[in-house]
Amino acid sequence: MRVARYVLKHVGICIATALLFFQSWGILVLLIPITVVRMYRERNAIRDRRRRQLEEHFRDGLQCLLASLEAGYSIENSVQHAADDLRMMFDEKEPIVEEFRRMSRKLKSGGNVEEVLEEFGERSGVEDIRTFSGIFTIAKRTGGDVTRVIRSVTDTLYQKQEVLREIQTVLLAKQLEVGIMKVMPYLMLAYFLAFSPGFLAPLYAGIAGHAIMFVLYLVYRLFCMIAERIACIEV
């Protein structure tokens, strides 16, 4: 269902572009490669958002894990309790819930906790999770205080995420501006076509008119890409 909405969204944008910029169905053939590139970029953006969301919720997972450990449970049972707690805190489809449930299933099947955490870190692609799995493995194998390690990592993540949240608040305003900028050309063309169609008539007539509109559309897409890159600074 999510994939269908994703595809329909981009098909709708492609059709709107053909009608508003060119008033031609034939131009759809030329717009398909541009649409495919846009879909690829958005898919990567969605994957990055999912990764950042997992990174943010990982601290909550560690807090649930820490609470169970301090209550006297083993690390294996603490993962199961943490998974149950996270299910009450977040939606079932949240990445952090899925990951903790997966770890819990592997531990129930006799998996080694160090290996399960290491797989989680590699699968997530999140540097903080990979680092934690390495620190946890060293502490576990050397007989260190695992509870203290988790508490220290949780405190560090909290401080880091507070700083990131302040930065994201500033970037959010810029991203909103970019979103408005991307929609404005479509709204302006729709306005002129609805209330003053003769004003843009020369740009929809003949090869020269379509060529000018196509160049303008490419320039518009270029500026959109630049604006997105500026507003999506990696922090």
Foldseek 3Di string as FASTA:
>chain_A
DVVVVLVVVLVVVLVLCCCLLANDPVCSVVCVVVSVVVSVVVVVVVLVVLLVQLLLCVLVLLVQLLVVVVVPDDSLVSLVRSLVVVVVVDPCPRPNNVLSVVLNVCVVVVDDNLVSQCVSCVVSVDPLSNVLSVVLVVCVVVVHDNSVSSVVSSVVSVVVVVVVVVVVVVLVVLVVVLVCLLCVVSVVSVVCCVPPVVVLVVLNDDPVSVVVSVVVVVVSVVVSVVSVPVSDDDD
